[in-house]
Amino acid sequence: MNRNWAYVIIAGIIEIMWAMGVKYSNNLISWAGTFFLIYVSFVVLMKATKKLPVATVYAVFTGIGTAGTVLVEMVVFGEPFSWTKILFILLLLSGVVGLKLVTNESSKKEGAV
């Protein structure tokens, strides 16, 4: 995995944290931390888009954030477990992985031409 994809993963993990902050912030300090995390996630994401296609990067970023947020809600914050949610998270993640695989293949083809 190259550095740019690592940036996307890091930005997605930070997105999970700020999504939790949006839900659970209740004072000025926690809101400030949430806004800081939003800022950092987008700065890291912009670094990735310098070398990778924006549409694919954004889809992977939001996929990580969505799946991670749902899982953290269930594991840490007691959201009810649902096999249907797990099925759709797996469907979402398979699309994200598919986009990443297709992006790598098209990059190699473009470089070979």
PDB file of N, CA and C in Angstrom:
ATOM      1  N   MET A   1       0.859  -1.173   0.000  1.00  0.00           N
ATOM      2  CA  MET A   1       0.000   0.000   0.000  1.00  0.00           C
ATOM      3  C   MET A   1       0.904   1.234   0.000  1.00  0.00           C
ATOM      4  N   ASN A   2       0.565   2.198  -0.844  1.00  0.00           N
ATOM      5  CA  ASN A   2       1.411   3.383  -0.874  1.00  0.00           C
ATOM      6  C   ASN A   2       0.945   4.434   0.140  1.00  0.00           C
ATOM      7  N   ARG A   3       1.735   5.444   0.291  1.00  0.00           N
ATOM      8  CA  ARG A   3       1.494   6.483   1.294  1.00  0.00           C
ATOM      9  C   ARG A   3       0.149   7.191   1.087  1.00  0.00           C
ATOM     10  N   ASN A   4      -0.246   7.406  -0.155  1.00  0.00           N
ATOM     11  CA  ASN A   4      -1.488   8.132  -0.415  1.00  0.00           C
ATOM     12  C   ASN A   4      -2.714   7.351   0.054  1.00  0.00           C
ATOM     13  N   TRP A   5      -2.695   6.032  -0.135  1.00  0.00           N
ATOM     14  CA  TRP A   5      -3.807   5.225   0.378  1.00  0.00           C
ATOM     15  C   TRP A   5      -3.784   5.185   1.907  1.00  0.00           C
ATOM     16  N   ALA A   6      -2.611   5.233   2.485  1.00  0.00           N
ATOM     17  CA  ALA A   6      -2.521   5.314   3.952  1.00  0.00           C
ATOM     18  C   ALA A   6      -3.160   6.617   4.443  1.00  0.00           C
ATOM     19  N   TYR A   7      -2.953   7.714   3.707  1.00  0.00           N
ATOM     20  CA  TYR A   7      -3.608   8.981   4.064  1.00  0.00           C
ATOM     21  C   TYR A   7      -5.134   8.842   4.044  1.00  0.00           C
ATOM     22  N   VAL A   8      -5.654   8.145   3.049  1.00  0.00           N
ATOM     23  CA  VAL A   8      -7.107   7.956   2.957  1.00  0.00           C
ATOM     24  C   VAL A   8      -7.616   7.173   4.164  1.00  0.00           C
ATOM     25  N   ILE A   9      -6.906   6.125   4.536  1.00  0.00           N
ATOM     26  CA  ILE A   9      -7.318   5.303   5.682  1.00  0.00           C
ATOM     27  C   ILE A   9      -7.247   6.118   6.972  1.00  0.00           C
ATOM     28  N   ILE A  10      -6.179   6.876   7.141  1.00  0.00           N
ATOM     29  CA  ILE A  10      -6.043   7.713   8.338  1.00  0.00           C
ATOM     30  C   ILE A  10      -7.163   8.745   8.393  1.00  0.00           C
ATOM     31  N   ALA A  11      -7.456   9.382   7.253  1.00  0.00           N
ATOM     32  CA  ALA A  11      -8.542  10.367   7.212  1.00  0.00           C
ATOM     33  C   ALA A  11      -9.882   9.711   7.550  1.00  0.00           C
ATOM     34  N   GLY A  12     -10.098   8.487   7.085  1.00  0.00           N
ATOM     35  CA  GLY A  12     -11.335   7.768   7.395  1.00  0.00           C
ATOM     36  C   GLY A  12     -11.461   7.443   8.870  1.00  0.00           C
ATOM     37  N   ILE A  13     -10.357   7.064   9.489  1.00  0.00           N
ATOM     38  CA  ILE A  13     -10.377   6.779  10.932  1.00  0.00           C
ATOM     39  C   ILE A  13     -10.656   8.052  11.724  1.00  0.00           C
ATOM     40  N   ILE A  14     -10.046   9.151  11.295  1.00  0.00           N
ATOM     41  CA  ILE A  14     -10.315  10.432  11.961  1.00  0.00           C
ATOM     42  C   ILE A  14     -11.775  10.834  11.761  1.00  0.00           C
ATOM     43  N   GLU A  15     -12.337  10.510  10.583  1.00  0.00           N
ATOM     44  CA  GLU A  15     -13.757  10.808  10.346  1.00  0.00           C
ATOM     45  C   GLU A  15     -14.650  10.080  11.344  1.00  0.00           C
ATOM     46  N   ILE A  16     -14.314   8.844  11.659  1.00  0.00           N
ATOM     47  CA  ILE A  16     -15.094   8.094  12.652  1.00  0.00           C
ATOM     48  C   ILE A  16     -15.072   8.829  13.989  1.00  0.00           C
ATOM     49  N   MET A  17     -13.898   9.336  14.359  1.00  0.00           N
ATOM     50  CA  MET A  17     -13.778  10.043  15.642  1.00  0.00           C
ATOM     51  C   MET A  17     -14.598  11.331  15.643  1.00  0.00           C
ATOM     52  N   TRP A  18     -14.535  12.108  14.543  1.00  0.00           N
ATOM     53  CA  TRP A  18     -15.302  13.360  14.574  1.00  0.00           C
ATOM     54  C   TRP A  18     -16.798  13.116  14.443  1.00  0.00           C
ATOM     55  N   ALA A  19     -17.191  12.018  13.792  1.00  0.00           N
ATOM     56  CA  ALA A  19     -18.623  11.690  13.743  1.00  0.00           C
ATOM     57  C   ALA A  19     -19.143  11.389  15.150  1.00  0.00           C
ATOM     58  N   MET A  20     -18.335  10.686  15.947  1.00  0.00           N
ATOM     59  CA  MET A  20     -18.709  10.449  17.341  1.00  0.00           C
ATOM     60  C   MET A  20     -18.758  11.779  18.105  1.00  0.00           C
ATOM     61  N   GLY A  21     -17.816  12.660  17.791  1.00  0.00           N
ATOM     62  CA  GLY A  21     -17.803  13.973  18.434  1.00  0.00           C
ATOM     63  C   GLY A  21     -19.047  14.779  18.134  1.00  0.00           C
ATOM     64  N   VAL A  22     -19.530  14.705  16.894  1.00  0.00           N
ATOM     65  CA  VAL A  22     -20.751  15.432  16.531  1.00  0.00           C
ATOM     66  C   VAL A  22     -21.923  14.944  17.372  1.00  0.00           C
ATOM     67  N   LYS A  23     -21.986  13.644  17.593  1.00  0.00           N
ATOM     68  CA  LYS A  23     -23.106  13.091  18.362  1.00  0.00           C
ATOM     69  C   LYS A  23     -22.976  13.348  19.864  1.00  0.00           C
ATOM     70  N   TYR A  24     -21.759  13.240  20.395  1.00  0.00           N
ATOM     71  CA  TYR A  24     -21.602  13.242  21.841  1.00  0.00           C
ATOM     72  C   TYR A  24     -21.006  14.526  22.432  1.00  0.00           C
ATOM     73  N   SER A  25     -20.671  15.504  21.615  1.00  0.00           N
ATOM     74  CA  SER A  25     -20.133  16.755  22.162  1.00  0.00           C
ATOM     75  C   SER A  25     -21.227  17.508  22.906  1.00  0.00           C
ATOM     76  N   ASN A  26     -20.868  18.021  24.081  1.00  0.00           N
ATOM     77  CA  ASN A  26     -21.864  18.743  24.872  1.00  0.00           C
ATOM     78  C   ASN A  26     -21.301  19.977  25.568  1.00  0.00           C
ATOM     79  N   ASN A  27     -20.052  20.336  25.239  1.00  0.00           N
ATOM     80  CA  ASN A  27     -19.499  21.568  25.791  1.00  0.00           C
ATOM     81  C   ASN A  27     -18.521  22.165  24.779  1.00  0.00           C
ATOM     82  N   LEU A  28     -18.051  23.343  25.051  1.00  0.00           N
ATOM     83  CA  LEU A  28     -17.209  24.064  24.116  1.00  0.00           C
ATOM     84  C   LEU A  28     -15.918  23.308  23.790  1.00  0.00           C
ATOM     85  N   ILE A  29     -15.306  22.691  24.777  1.00  0.00           N
ATOM     86  CA  ILE A  29     -14.038  21.988  24.547  1.00  0.00           C
ATOM     87  C   ILE A  29     -14.250  20.771  23.644  1.00  0.00           C
ATOM     88  N   SER A  30     -15.288  20.000  23.888  1.00  0.00           N
ATOM     89  CA  SER A  30     -15.517  18.823  23.040  1.00  0.00           C
ATOM     90  C   SER A  30     -15.916  19.233  21.625  1.00  0.00           C
ATOM     91  N   TRP A  31     -16.666  20.338  21.483  1.00  0.00           N
ATOM     92  CA  TRP A  31     -16.984  20.832  20.137  1.00  0.00           C
ATOM     93  C   TRP A  31     -15.735  21.340  19.433  1.00  0.00           C
ATOM     94  N   ALA A  32     -14.854  22.003  20.149  1.00  0.00           N
ATOM     95  CA  ALA A  32     -13.596  22.474  19.553  1.00  0.00           C
ATOM     96  C   ALA A  32     -12.761  21.288  19.074  1.00  0.00           C
ATOM     97  N   GLY A  33     -12.705  20.225  19.883  1.00  0.00           N
ATOM     98  CA  GLY A  33     -11.994  19.013  19.481  1.00  0.00           C
ATOM     99  C   GLY A  33     -12.611  18.381  18.245  1.00  0.00           C
ATOM    100  N   THR A  34     -13.934  18.385  18.174  1.00  0.00           N
ATOM    101  CA  THR A  34     -14.632  17.826  17.015  1.00  0.00           C
ATOM    102  C   THR A  34     -14.300  18.616  15.757  1.00  0.00           C
ATOM    103  N   PHE A  35     -14.361  19.949  15.848  1.00  0.00           N
ATOM    104  CA  PHE A  35     -14.034  20.764  14.680  1.00  0.00           C
ATOM    105  C   PHE A  35     -12.575  20.608  14.268  1.00  0.00           C
ATOM    106  N   PHE A  36     -11.696  20.437  15.245  1.00  0.00           N
ATOM    107  CA  PHE A  36     -10.288  20.199  14.939  1.00  0.00           C
ATOM    108  C   PHE A  36     -10.121  18.880  14.175  1.00  0.00           C
ATOM    109  N   LEU A  37     -10.820  17.836  14.617  1.00  0.00           N
ATOM    110  CA  LEU A  37     -10.748  16.546  13.928  1.00  0.00           C
ATOM    111  C   LEU A  37     -11.301  16.633  12.508  1.00  0.00           C
ATOM    112  N   ILE A  38     -12.375  17.398  12.321  1.00  0.00           N
ATOM    113  CA  ILE A  38     -12.918  17.596  10.971  1.00  0.00           C
ATOM    114  C   ILE A  38     -11.857  18.243  10.088  1.00  0.00           C
ATOM    115  N   TYR A  39     -11.219  19.276  10.600  1.00  0.00           N
ATOM    116  CA  TYR A  39     -10.179  19.976   9.857  1.00  0.00           C
ATOM    117  C   TYR A  39      -9.023  19.030   9.497  1.00  0.00           C
ATOM    118  N   VAL A  40      -8.539  18.287  10.482  1.00  0.00           N
ATOM    119  CA  VAL A  40      -7.405  17.381  10.255  1.00  0.00           C
ATOM    120  C   VAL A  40      -7.775  16.298   9.243  1.00  0.00           C
ATOM    121  N   SER A  41      -8.983  15.743   9.337  1.00  0.00           N
ATOM    122  CA  SER A  41      -9.364  14.680   8.403  1.00  0.00           C
ATOM    123  C   SER A  41      -9.368  15.191   6.969  1.00  0.00           C
ATOM    124  N   PHE A  42      -9.853  16.419   6.759  1.00  0.00           N
ATOM    125  CA  PHE A  42      -9.882  16.936   5.396  1.00  0.00           C
ATOM    126  C   PHE A  42      -8.507  17.368   4.904  1.00  0.00           C
ATOM    127  N   VAL A  43      -7.635  17.822   5.783  1.00  0.00           N
ATOM    128  CA  VAL A  43      -6.264  18.140   5.379  1.00  0.00           C
ATOM    129  C   VAL A  43      -5.554  16.860   4.921  1.00  0.00           C
ATOM    130  N   VAL A  44      -5.700  15.796   5.688  1.00  0.00           N
ATOM    131  CA  VAL A  44      -5.076  14.515   5.325  1.00  0.00           C
ATOM    132  C   VAL A  44      -5.688  13.986   4.027  1.00  0.00           C
ATOM    133  N   LEU A  45      -6.997  14.120   3.890  1.00  0.00           N
ATOM    134  CA  LEU A  45      -7.675  13.669   2.672  1.00  0.00           C
ATOM    135  C   LEU A  45      -7.188  14.445   1.449  1.00  0.00           C
ATOM    136  N   MET A  46      -6.979  15.739   1.591  1.00  0.00           N
ATOM    137  CA  MET A  46      -6.486  16.544   0.470  1.00  0.00           C
ATOM    138  C   MET A  46      -5.086  16.121   0.046  1.00  0.00           C
ATOM    139  N   LYS A  47      -4.268  15.678   0.994  1.00  0.00           N
ATOM    140  CA  LYS A  47      -2.940  15.169   0.639  1.00  0.00           C
ATOM    141  C   LYS A  47      -3.067  13.953  -0.283  1.00  0.00           C
ATOM    142  N   ALA A  48      -4.037  13.100   0.006  1.00  0.00           N
ATOM    143  CA  ALA A  48      -4.230  11.899  -0.808  1.00  0.00           C
ATOM    144  C   ALA A  48      -4.719  12.243  -2.209  1.00  0.00           C
ATOM    145  N   THR A  49      -5.546  13.277  -2.332  1.00  0.00           N
ATOM    146  CA  THR A  49      -6.107  13.602  -3.645  1.00  0.00           C
ATOM    147  C   THR A  49      -5.089  14.243  -4.584  1.00  0.00           C
ATOM    148  N   LYS A  50      -3.926  14.580  -4.079  1.00  0.00           N
ATOM    149  CA  LYS A  50      -2.889  15.129  -4.961  1.00  0.00           C
ATOM    150  C   LYS A  50      -2.372  14.077  -5.940  1.00  0.00           C
ATOM    151  N   LYS A  51      -2.427  12.798  -5.541  1.00  0.00           N
ATOM    152  CA  LYS A  51      -1.894  11.722  -6.392  1.00  0.00           C
ATOM    153  C   LYS A  51      -2.942  10.687  -6.804  1.00  0.00           C
ATOM    154  N   LEU A  52      -4.102  10.691  -6.157  1.00  0.00           N
ATOM    155  CA  LEU A  52      -5.134   9.692  -6.442  1.00  0.00           C
ATOM    156  C   LEU A  52      -6.388  10.387  -6.977  1.00  0.00           C
ATOM    157  N   PRO A  53      -7.238   9.661  -7.717  1.00  0.00           N
ATOM    158  CA  PRO A  53      -8.470  10.263  -8.242  1.00  0.00           C
ATOM    159  C   PRO A  53      -9.411  10.685  -7.112  1.00  0.00           C
ATOM    160  N   VAL A  54      -9.916  11.900  -7.216  1.00  0.00           N
ATOM    161  CA  VAL A  54     -10.746  12.470  -6.158  1.00  0.00           C
ATOM    162  C   VAL A  54     -11.990  11.621  -5.895  1.00  0.00           C
ATOM    163  N   ALA A  55     -12.675  11.187  -6.926  1.00  0.00           N
ATOM    164  CA  ALA A  55     -13.926  10.434  -6.744  1.00  0.00           C
ATOM    165  C   ALA A  55     -13.685   9.132  -5.986  1.00  0.00           C
ATOM    166  N   THR A  56     -12.634   8.424  -6.334  1.00  0.00           N
ATOM    167  CA  THR A  56     -12.328   7.170  -5.657  1.00  0.00           C
ATOM    168  C   THR A  56     -11.906   7.420  -4.218  1.00  0.00           C
ATOM    169  N   VAL A  57     -11.067   8.422  -4.008  1.00  0.00           N
ATOM    170  CA  VAL A  57     -10.606   8.756  -2.658  1.00  0.00           C
ATOM    171  C   VAL A  57     -11.793   9.107  -1.775  1.00  0.00           C
ATOM    172  N   TYR A  58     -12.698   9.926  -2.284  1.00  0.00           N
ATOM    173  CA  TYR A  58     -13.843  10.342  -1.471  1.00  0.00           C
ATOM    174  C   TYR A  58     -14.763   9.160  -1.174  1.00  0.00           C
ATOM    175  N   ALA A  59     -14.969   8.284  -2.147  1.00  0.00           N
ATOM    176  CA  ALA A  59     -15.813   7.108  -1.910  1.00  0.00           C
ATOM    177  C   ALA A  59     -15.203   6.200  -0.848  1.00  0.00           C
ATOM    178  N   VAL A  60     -13.901   5.981  -0.911  1.00  0.00           N
ATOM    179  CA  VAL A  60     -13.232   5.137   0.084  1.00  0.00           C
ATOM    180  C   VAL A  60     -13.285   5.807   1.458  1.00  0.00           C
ATOM    181  N   PHE A  61     -13.013   7.099   1.498  1.00  0.00           N
ATOM    182  CA  PHE A  61     -13.053   7.869   2.742  1.00  0.00           C
ATOM    183  C   PHE A  61     -14.424   7.783   3.413  1.00  0.00           C
ATOM    184  N   THR A  62     -15.478   8.028   2.656  1.00  0.00           N
ATOM    185  CA  THR A  62     -16.817   7.972   3.247  1.00  0.00           C
ATOM    186  C   THR A  62     -17.223   6.543   3.598  1.00  0.00           C
ATOM    187  N   GLY A  63     -16.748   5.570   2.814  1.00  0.00           N
ATOM    188  CA  GLY A  63     -17.039   4.168   3.141  1.00  0.00           C
ATOM    189  C   GLY A  63     -16.416   3.753   4.459  1.00  0.00           C
ATOM    190  N   ILE A  64     -15.154   4.142   4.650  1.00  0.00           N
ATOM    191  CA  ILE A  64     -14.478   3.849   5.923  1.00  0.00           C
ATOM    192  C   ILE A  64     -15.214   4.543   7.062  1.00  0.00           C
ATOM    193  N   GLY A  65     -15.548   5.796   6.855  1.00  0.00           N
ATOM    194  CA  GLY A  65     -16.236   6.561   7.898  1.00  0.00           C
ATOM    195  C   GLY A  65     -17.599   5.986   8.245  1.00  0.00           C
ATOM    196  N   THR A  66     -18.359   5.626   7.216  1.00  0.00           N
ATOM    197  CA  THR A  66     -19.703   5.081   7.453  1.00  0.00           C
ATOM    198  C   THR A  66     -19.647   3.737   8.159  1.00  0.00           C
ATOM    199  N   ALA A  67     -18.860   2.826   7.609  1.00  0.00           N
ATOM    200  CA  ALA A  67     -18.767   1.491   8.212  1.00  0.00           C
ATOM    201  C   ALA A  67     -18.188   1.571   9.618  1.00  0.00           C
ATOM    202  N   GLY A  68     -17.138   2.349   9.778  1.00  0.00           N
ATOM    203  CA  GLY A  68     -16.517   2.486  11.092  1.00  0.00           C
ATOM    204  C   GLY A  68     -17.434   3.102  12.125  1.00  0.00           C
ATOM    205  N   THR A  69     -18.187   4.115  11.706  1.00  0.00           N
ATOM    206  CA  THR A  69     -19.105   4.773  12.643  1.00  0.00           C
ATOM    207  C   THR A  69     -20.191   3.809  13.105  1.00  0.00           C
ATOM    208  N   VAL A  70     -20.750   3.044  12.187  1.00  0.00           N
ATOM    209  CA  VAL A  70     -21.786   2.070  12.559  1.00  0.00           C
ATOM    210  C   VAL A  70     -21.210   1.021  13.506  1.00  0.00           C
ATOM    211  N   LEU A  71     -20.024   0.512  13.201  1.00  0.00           N
ATOM    212  CA  LEU A  71     -19.416  -0.513  14.058  1.00  0.00           C
ATOM    213  C   LEU A  71     -19.071   0.030  15.444  1.00  0.00           C
ATOM    214  N   VAL A  72     -18.517   1.231  15.500  1.00  0.00           N
ATOM    215  CA  VAL A  72     -18.180   1.831  16.801  1.00  0.00           C
ATOM    216  C   VAL A  72     -19.451   2.078  17.604  1.00  0.00           C
ATOM    217  N   GLU A  73     -20.493   2.539  16.947  1.00  0.00           N
ATOM    218  CA  GLU A  73     -21.771   2.744  17.650  1.00  0.00           C
ATOM    219  C   GLU A  73     -22.256   1.437  18.281  1.00  0.00           C
ATOM    220  N   MET A  74     -22.155   0.333  17.542  1.00  0.00           N
ATOM    221  CA  MET A  74     -22.637  -0.943  18.076  1.00  0.00           C
ATOM    222  C   MET A  74     -21.729  -1.481  19.179  1.00  0.00           C
ATOM    223  N   VAL A  75     -20.417  -1.403  18.987  1.00  0.00           N
ATOM    224  CA  VAL A  75     -19.478  -2.013  19.926  1.00  0.00           C
ATOM    225  C   VAL A  75     -19.278  -1.158  21.174  1.00  0.00           C
ATOM    226  N   VAL A  76     -19.108   0.137  20.993  1.00  0.00           N
ATOM    227  CA  VAL A  76     -18.740   1.004  22.118  1.00  0.00           C
ATOM    228  C   VAL A  76     -19.951   1.653  22.784  1.00  0.00           C
ATOM    229  N   PHE A  77     -20.921   2.084  21.980  1.00  0.00           N
ATOM    230  CA  PHE A  77     -22.005   2.892  22.528  1.00  0.00           C
ATOM    231  C   PHE A  77     -23.339   2.161  22.645  1.00  0.00           C
ATOM    232  N   GLY A  78     -23.337   0.844  22.456  1.00  0.00           N
ATOM    233  CA  GLY A  78     -24.519   0.052  22.747  1.00  0.00           C
ATOM    234  C   GLY A  78     -25.647   0.139  21.740  1.00  0.00           C
ATOM    235  N   GLU A  79     -25.359   0.580  20.526  1.00  0.00           N
ATOM    236  CA  GLU A  79     -26.383   0.551  19.465  1.00  0.00           C
ATOM    237  C   GLU A  79     -26.775  -0.907  19.243  1.00  0.00           C
ATOM    238  N   PRO A  80     -28.059  -1.199  19.060  1.00  0.00           N
ATOM    239  CA  PRO A  80     -28.469  -2.596  18.877  1.00  0.00           C
ATOM    240  C   PRO A  80     -27.788  -3.255  17.674  1.00  0.00           C
ATOM    241  N   PHE A  81     -27.316  -4.487  17.882  1.00  0.00           N
ATOM    242  CA  PHE A  81     -26.684  -5.267  16.814  1.00  0.00           C
ATOM    243  C   PHE A  81     -27.747  -5.712  15.829  1.00  0.00           C
ATOM    244  N   SER A  82     -27.398  -5.671  14.553  1.00  0.00           N
ATOM    245  CA  SER A  82     -28.329  -6.119  13.527  1.00  0.00           C
ATOM    246  C   SER A  82     -27.543  -6.778  12.398  1.00  0.00           C
ATOM    247  N   TRP A  83     -27.929  -7.988  12.038  1.00  0.00           N
ATOM    248  CA  TRP A  83     -27.270  -8.669  10.930  1.00  0.00           C
ATOM    249  C   TRP A  83     -27.501  -7.913   9.626  1.00  0.00           C
ATOM    250  N   THR A  84     -28.640  -7.248   9.519  1.00  0.00           N
ATOM    251  CA  THR A  84     -28.913  -6.461   8.319  1.00  0.00           C
ATOM    252  C   THR A  84     -27.900  -5.329   8.184  1.00  0.00           C
ATOM    253  N   LYS A  85     -27.594  -4.647   9.295  1.00  0.00           N
ATOM    254  CA  LYS A  85     -26.570  -3.596   9.254  1.00  0.00           C
ATOM    255  C   LYS A  85     -25.225  -4.167   8.837  1.00  0.00           C
ATOM    256  N   ILE A  86     -24.862  -5.309   9.394  1.00  0.00           N
ATOM    257  CA  ILE A  86     -23.586  -5.943   9.060  1.00  0.00           C
ATOM    258  C   ILE A  86     -23.550  -6.308   7.575  1.00  0.00           C
ATOM    259  N   LEU A  87     -24.642  -6.844   7.057  1.00  0.00           N
ATOM    260  CA  LEU A  87     -24.717  -7.198   5.639  1.00  0.00           C
ATOM    261  C   LEU A  87     -24.482  -5.969   4.759  1.00  0.00           C
ATOM    262  N   PHE A  88     -25.148  -4.861   5.096  1.00  0.00           N
ATOM    263  CA  PHE A  88     -24.987  -3.665   4.279  1.00  0.00           C
ATOM    264  C   PHE A  88     -23.614  -3.016   4.448  1.00  0.00           C
ATOM    265  N   ILE A  89     -23.032  -3.132   5.629  1.00  0.00           N
ATOM    266  CA  ILE A  89     -21.653  -2.648   5.803  1.00  0.00           C
ATOM    267  C   ILE A  89     -20.710  -3.461   4.930  1.00  0.00           C
ATOM    268  N   LEU A  90     -20.882  -4.773   4.907  1.00  0.00           N
ATOM    269  CA  LEU A  90     -20.042  -5.621   4.059  1.00  0.00           C
ATOM    270  C   LEU A  90     -20.244  -5.297   2.581  1.00  0.00           C
ATOM    271  N   LEU A  91     -21.475  -5.021   2.196  1.00  0.00           N
ATOM    272  CA  LEU A  91     -21.760  -4.619   0.820  1.00  0.00           C
ATOM    273  C   LEU A  91     -21.057  -3.300   0.484  1.00  0.00           C
ATOM    274  N   LEU A  92     -21.145  -2.347   1.412  1.00  0.00           N
ATOM    275  CA  LEU A  92     -20.476  -1.059   1.237  1.00  0.00           C
ATOM    276  C   LEU A  92     -18.966  -1.235   1.126  1.00  0.00           C
ATOM    277  N   LEU A  93     -18.399  -2.028   2.027  1.00  0.00           N
ATOM    278  CA  LEU A  93     -16.956  -2.244   2.009  1.00  0.00           C
ATOM    279  C   LEU A  93     -16.498  -2.988   0.758  1.00  0.00           C
ATOM    280  N   SER A  94     -17.319  -3.907   0.253  1.00  0.00           N
ATOM    281  CA  SER A  94     -16.939  -4.590  -0.991  1.00  0.00           C
ATOM    282  C   SER A  94     -16.911  -3.597  -2.151  1.00  0.00           C
ATOM    283  N   GLY A  95     -17.812  -2.632  -2.160  1.00  0.00           N
ATOM    284  CA  GLY A  95     -17.769  -1.581  -3.179  1.00  0.00           C
ATOM    285  C   GLY A  95     -16.539  -0.716  -3.050  1.00  0.00           C
ATOM    286  N   VAL A  96     -16.169  -0.387  -1.825  1.00  0.00           N
ATOM    287  CA  VAL A  96     -14.979   0.435  -1.577  1.00  0.00           C
ATOM    288  C   VAL A  96     -13.724  -0.308  -2.027  1.00  0.00           C
ATOM    289  N   VAL A  97     -13.619  -1.581  -1.664  1.00  0.00           N
ATOM    290  CA  VAL A  97     -12.466  -2.381  -2.078  1.00  0.00           C
ATOM    291  C   VAL A  97     -12.442  -2.504  -3.602  1.00  0.00           C
ATOM    292  N   GLY A  98     -13.599  -2.712  -4.199  1.00  0.00           N
ATOM    293  CA  GLY A  98     -13.682  -2.790  -5.661  1.00  0.00           C
ATOM    294  C   GLY A  98     -13.206  -1.511  -6.328  1.00  0.00           C
ATOM    295  N   LEU A  99     -13.609  -0.364  -5.804  1.00  0.00           N
ATOM    296  CA  LEU A  99     -13.147   0.910  -6.357  1.00  0.00           C
ATOM    297  C   LEU A  99     -11.634   1.044  -6.256  1.00  0.00           C
ATOM    298  N   LYS A 100     -11.076   0.640  -5.123  1.00  0.00           N
ATOM    299  CA  LYS A 100      -9.629   0.731  -4.964  1.00  0.00           C
ATOM    300  C   LYS A 100      -8.921  -0.181  -5.960  1.00  0.00           C
ATOM    301  N   LEU A 101      -9.428  -1.390  -6.134  1.00  0.00           N
ATOM    302  CA  LEU A 101      -8.810  -2.324  -7.078  1.00  0.00           C
ATOM    303  C   LEU A 101      -8.891  -1.814  -8.514  1.00  0.00           C
ATOM    304  N   VAL A 102     -10.021  -1.273  -8.885  1.00  0.00           N
ATOM    305  CA  VAL A 102     -10.191  -0.737 -10.229  1.00  0.00           C
ATOM    306  C   VAL A 102      -9.285   0.468 -10.442  1.00  0.00           C
ATOM    307  N   THR A 103      -9.133   1.299  -9.427  1.00  0.00           N
ATOM    308  CA  THR A 103      -8.267   2.469  -9.535  1.00  0.00           C
ATOM    309  C   THR A 103      -6.825   2.048  -9.756  1.00  0.00           C
ATOM    310  N   ASN A 104      -6.353   1.046  -9.049  1.00  0.00           N
ATOM    311  CA  ASN A 104      -4.976   0.573  -9.234  1.00  0.00           C
ATOM    312  C   ASN A 104      -4.770   0.033 -10.640  1.00  0.00           C
ATOM    313  N   GLU A 105      -5.743  -0.725 -11.159  1.00  0.00           N
ATOM    314  CA  GLU A 105      -5.618  -1.288 -12.498  1.00  0.00           C
ATOM    315  C   GLU A 105      -5.609  -0.192 -13.553  1.00  0.00           C
ATOM    316  N   SER A 106      -6.486   0.795 -13.428  1.00  0.00           N
ATOM    317  CA  SER A 106      -6.528   1.847 -14.450  1.00  0.00           C
ATOM    318  C   SER A 106      -5.274   2.704 -14.399  1.00  0.00           C
ATOM    319  N   SER A 107      -4.684   2.901 -13.211  1.00  0.00           N
ATOM    320  CA  SER A 107      -3.445   3.660 -13.108  1.00  0.00           C
ATOM    321  C   SER A 107      -2.314   2.948 -13.833  1.00  0.00           C
ATOM    322  N   LYS A 108      -2.244   1.625 -13.695  1.00  0.00           N
ATOM    323  CA  LYS A 108      -1.179   0.857 -14.361  1.00  0.00           C
ATOM    324  C   LYS A 108      -1.363   0.896 -15.876  1.00  0.00           C
ATOM    325  N   LYS A 109      -2.625   0.792 -16.331  1.00  0.00           N
ATOM    326  CA  LYS A 109      -2.879   0.833 -17.769  1.00  0.00           C
ATOM    327  C   LYS A 109      -2.507   2.184 -18.355  1.00  0.00           C
ATOM    328  N   GLU A 110      -2.836   3.265 -17.664  1.00  0.00           N
ATOM    329  CA  GLU A 110      -2.516   4.588 -18.152  1.00  0.00           C
ATOM    330  C   GLU A 110      -1.008   4.786 -18.223  1.00  0.00           C
ATOM    331  N   GLY A 111      -0.278   4.268 -17.248  1.00  0.00           N
ATOM    332  CA  GLY A 111       1.174   4.403 -17.231  1.00  0.00           C
ATOM    333  C   GLY A 111       1.831   3.578 -18.329  1.00  0.00           C
ATOM    334  N   ALA A 112       1.191   2.484 -18.745  1.00  0.00           N
ATOM    335  CA  ALA A 112       1.768   1.607 -19.753  1.00  0.00           C
ATOM    336  C   ALA A 112       1.543   2.129 -21.162  1.00  0.00           C
ATOM    337  N   VAL A 113       0.565   2.984 -21.339  1.00  0.00           N
ATOM    338  CA  VAL A 113       0.234   3.470 -22.691  1.00  0.00           C
ATOM    339  C   VAL A 113       1.226   4.441 -23.208  1.00  0.00           C
TER     340      VAL A 113
END
